[in-house]
Amino acid sequence: MAVIGVLTEPTPPTWWQANRHKVYGVSGLLLGYLAGTHLHSVPDQPQHPRPGHSTPAPATPGPHTAPHRAA
């Protein structure tokens, strides 16, 4: 009986080969978080309260438009 080949166990993966998906996943989540919290558009101008009506409505009813001139 002849031995055709020698069976050997494959070399175990390196740390990088075994964990690169974890490194890429954590890096992507971290970069996404930073981009979402720090790279936003220019902040809106602060909204100042607008003044309300400064003149009260007339107490007596009257015409709301100027009278027409006869031509």
N, C-alpha and C. Protein backbone atom coordinates (compact mmCIF):
# COMPACT_ATOMS: atom_id res chain seq x y z
N MET A 1 0.84 -1.15 0.00
CA MET A 1 0.00 0.00 0.00
C MET A 1 0.90 1.24 0.00
N ALA A 2 0.57 2.15 -0.90
CA ALA A 2 1.39 3.35 -1.04
C ALA A 2 0.64 4.55 -0.47
N VAL A 3 1.36 5.44 0.07
CA VAL A 3 0.78 6.68 0.61
C VAL A 3 0.81 7.71 -0.50
N ILE A 4 -0.37 8.17 -0.87
CA ILE A 4 -0.45 9.12 -1.98
C ILE A 4 -0.26 10.55 -1.48
N GLY A 5 -0.78 10.87 -0.38
CA GLY A 5 -0.65 12.24 0.13
C GLY A 5 -0.72 12.23 1.64
N VAL A 6 -0.27 13.27 2.21
CA VAL A 6 -0.30 13.40 3.66
C VAL A 6 -1.36 14.44 4.00
N LEU A 7 -2.30 14.05 4.83
CA LEU A 7 -3.35 14.98 5.24
C LEU A 7 -2.85 15.79 6.43
N THR A 8 -2.92 17.09 6.28
CA THR A 8 -2.52 17.98 7.39
C THR A 8 -3.66 18.94 7.67
N GLU A 9 -3.70 19.42 8.84
CA GLU A 9 -4.71 20.40 9.20
C GLU A 9 -4.32 21.75 8.60
N PRO A 10 -5.32 22.51 8.13
CA PRO A 10 -4.97 23.82 7.60
C PRO A 10 -4.49 24.73 8.72
N THR A 11 -3.68 25.70 8.36
CA THR A 11 -3.19 26.63 9.38
C THR A 11 -4.36 27.45 9.91
N PRO A 12 -4.40 27.69 11.18
CA PRO A 12 -5.50 28.49 11.73
C PRO A 12 -5.44 29.92 11.17
N PRO A 13 -6.60 30.56 11.04
CA PRO A 13 -6.59 31.93 10.50
C PRO A 13 -5.90 32.90 11.45
N THR A 14 -5.34 33.95 10.87
CA THR A 14 -4.71 34.97 11.70
C THR A 14 -5.80 35.75 12.45
N TRP A 15 -5.38 36.58 13.37
CA TRP A 15 -6.35 37.36 14.13
C TRP A 15 -7.14 38.25 13.18
N TRP A 16 -6.49 38.87 12.21
CA TRP A 16 -7.17 39.76 11.28
C TRP A 16 -8.19 39.01 10.43
N GLN A 17 -7.82 37.86 9.95
CA GLN A 17 -8.75 37.08 9.13
C GLN A 17 -9.97 36.65 9.95
N ALA A 18 -9.78 36.37 11.20
CA ALA A 18 -10.88 35.89 12.04
C ALA A 18 -11.77 37.03 12.54
N ASN A 19 -11.24 38.25 12.65
CA ASN A 19 -11.99 39.33 13.30
C ASN A 19 -12.20 40.57 12.44
N ARG A 20 -11.83 40.52 11.17
CA ARG A 20 -11.95 41.75 10.37
C ARG A 20 -13.41 42.18 10.18
N HIS A 21 -14.34 41.26 10.12
CA HIS A 21 -15.74 41.65 9.98
C HIS A 21 -16.22 42.43 11.21
N LYS A 22 -15.71 42.08 12.37
CA LYS A 22 -16.07 42.81 13.59
C LYS A 22 -15.47 44.21 13.57
N VAL A 23 -14.21 44.31 13.12
CA VAL A 23 -13.54 45.61 13.06
C VAL A 23 -14.27 46.52 12.08
N TYR A 24 -14.61 45.98 10.90
CA TYR A 24 -15.31 46.79 9.90
C TYR A 24 -16.71 47.19 10.41
N GLY A 25 -17.38 46.30 11.08
CA GLY A 25 -18.72 46.61 11.59
C GLY A 25 -18.69 47.71 12.64
N VAL A 26 -17.80 47.60 13.61
CA VAL A 26 -17.70 48.61 14.66
C VAL A 26 -17.22 49.94 14.07
N SER A 27 -16.27 49.89 13.13
CA SER A 27 -15.78 51.12 12.51
C SER A 27 -16.90 51.80 11.72
N GLY A 28 -17.70 51.04 11.00
CA GLY A 28 -18.79 51.62 10.24
C GLY A 28 -19.84 52.25 11.14
N LEU A 29 -20.17 51.58 12.23
CA LEU A 29 -21.14 52.16 13.16
C LEU A 29 -20.61 53.44 13.79
N LEU A 30 -19.34 53.44 14.17
CA LEU A 30 -18.74 54.62 14.78
C LEU A 30 -18.69 55.79 13.79
N LEU A 31 -18.26 55.52 12.56
CA LEU A 31 -18.20 56.58 11.56
C LEU A 31 -19.60 57.09 11.21
N GLY A 32 -20.57 56.20 11.14
CA GLY A 32 -21.94 56.62 10.87
C GLY A 32 -22.50 57.48 11.97
N TYR A 33 -22.20 57.13 13.20
CA TYR A 33 -22.66 57.93 14.33
C TYR A 33 -22.03 59.32 14.30
N LEU A 34 -20.72 59.36 14.07
CA LEU A 34 -20.03 60.65 14.04
C LEU A 34 -20.53 61.51 12.88
N ALA A 35 -20.74 60.91 11.73
CA ALA A 35 -21.24 61.66 10.58
C ALA A 35 -22.65 62.16 10.84
N GLY A 36 -23.47 61.38 11.50
CA GLY A 36 -24.84 61.79 11.77
C GLY A 36 -24.96 62.85 12.82
N THR A 37 -24.01 62.93 13.73
CA THR A 37 -24.12 63.90 14.82
C THR A 37 -23.30 65.16 14.58
N HIS A 38 -22.27 65.09 13.74
CA HIS A 38 -21.39 66.25 13.58
C HIS A 38 -21.41 66.85 12.19
N LEU A 39 -21.83 66.15 11.19
CA LEU A 39 -21.77 66.67 9.84
C LEU A 39 -23.16 67.06 9.34
N HIS A 40 -23.91 67.77 10.16
CA HIS A 40 -25.24 68.19 9.76
C HIS A 40 -25.14 69.55 9.09
N SER A 41 -26.22 70.02 8.54
CA SER A 41 -26.23 71.28 7.82
C SER A 41 -26.07 72.45 8.79
N VAL A 42 -25.99 73.63 8.22
CA VAL A 42 -25.86 74.84 9.02
C VAL A 42 -27.08 74.96 9.91
N PRO A 43 -26.88 75.26 11.19
CA PRO A 43 -28.04 75.35 12.08
C PRO A 43 -28.97 76.48 11.64
N ASP A 44 -30.26 76.27 11.84
CA ASP A 44 -31.25 77.27 11.48
C ASP A 44 -31.09 78.51 12.35
N GLN A 45 -31.52 79.63 11.81
CA GLN A 45 -31.49 80.86 12.59
C GLN A 45 -32.49 80.73 13.73
N PRO A 46 -32.15 81.27 14.89
CA PRO A 46 -33.10 81.17 16.00
C PRO A 46 -34.40 81.89 15.66
N GLN A 47 -35.50 81.30 16.03
CA GLN A 47 -36.80 81.87 15.75
C GLN A 47 -37.15 82.87 16.84
N HIS A 48 -37.21 84.14 16.46
CA HIS A 48 -37.59 85.17 17.41
C HIS A 48 -39.11 85.32 17.35
N PRO A 49 -39.72 85.54 18.48
CA PRO A 49 -41.19 85.72 18.44
C PRO A 49 -41.54 86.99 17.69
N ARG A 50 -42.50 86.89 16.81
CA ARG A 50 -42.92 88.05 16.04
C ARG A 50 -43.92 88.86 16.87
N PRO A 51 -43.90 90.18 16.69
CA PRO A 51 -44.86 90.99 17.46
C PRO A 51 -46.28 90.72 16.98
N GLY A 52 -47.19 90.81 17.90
CA GLY A 52 -48.60 90.64 17.57
C GLY A 52 -49.13 91.89 16.88
N HIS A 53 -50.40 91.96 16.71
CA HIS A 53 -50.99 93.15 16.12
C HIS A 53 -50.79 94.32 17.07
N SER A 54 -50.26 95.39 16.54
CA SER A 54 -49.98 96.53 17.41
C SER A 54 -51.13 97.52 17.46
N THR A 55 -52.00 97.51 16.46
CA THR A 55 -53.13 98.44 16.47
C THR A 55 -54.41 97.65 16.69
N PRO A 56 -55.24 98.09 17.59
CA PRO A 56 -56.49 97.36 17.82
C PRO A 56 -57.47 97.61 16.67
N ALA A 57 -58.41 96.74 16.55
CA ALA A 57 -59.45 96.88 15.54
C ALA A 57 -60.31 98.09 15.89
N PRO A 58 -60.87 98.77 14.88
CA PRO A 58 -61.72 99.93 15.18
C PRO A 58 -62.97 99.50 15.96
N ALA A 59 -63.38 100.37 16.88
CA ALA A 59 -64.53 100.04 17.73
C ALA A 59 -65.85 100.27 16.99
N THR A 60 -65.86 101.20 16.06
CA THR A 60 -67.09 101.48 15.32
C THR A 60 -66.96 100.92 13.92
N PRO A 61 -68.02 100.32 13.41
CA PRO A 61 -67.92 99.80 12.05
C PRO A 61 -67.85 100.95 11.05
N GLY A 62 -67.06 100.79 10.05
CA GLY A 62 -66.91 101.82 9.04
C GLY A 62 -66.36 101.19 7.77
N PRO A 63 -66.26 102.00 6.76
CA PRO A 63 -65.72 101.46 5.50
C PRO A 63 -64.24 101.08 5.69
N HIS A 64 -63.87 99.96 5.10
CA HIS A 64 -62.50 99.48 5.24
C HIS A 64 -61.61 99.96 4.11
N THR A 65 -62.21 100.55 3.09
CA THR A 65 -61.42 101.04 1.97
C THR A 65 -61.68 102.54 1.81
N ALA A 66 -60.83 103.18 1.08
CA ALA A 66 -60.98 104.61 0.85
C ALA A 66 -62.20 104.83 -0.06
N PRO A 67 -62.92 105.94 0.12
CA PRO A 67 -64.09 106.20 -0.74
C PRO A 67 -63.63 106.45 -2.17
N HIS A 68 -64.47 106.08 -3.11
CA HIS A 68 -64.16 106.27 -4.52
C HIS A 68 -64.44 107.71 -4.91
N ARG A 69 -63.62 108.22 -5.79
CA ARG A 69 -63.84 109.58 -6.27
C ARG A 69 -64.69 109.52 -7.53
N ALA A 70 -65.54 110.47 -7.66
CA ALA A 70 -66.36 110.55 -8.88
C ALA A 70 -65.51 111.17 -9.98
N ALA A 71 -65.51 110.59 -11.12
CA ALA A 71 -64.69 111.11 -12.21
C ALA A 71 -65.47 112.01 -13.14
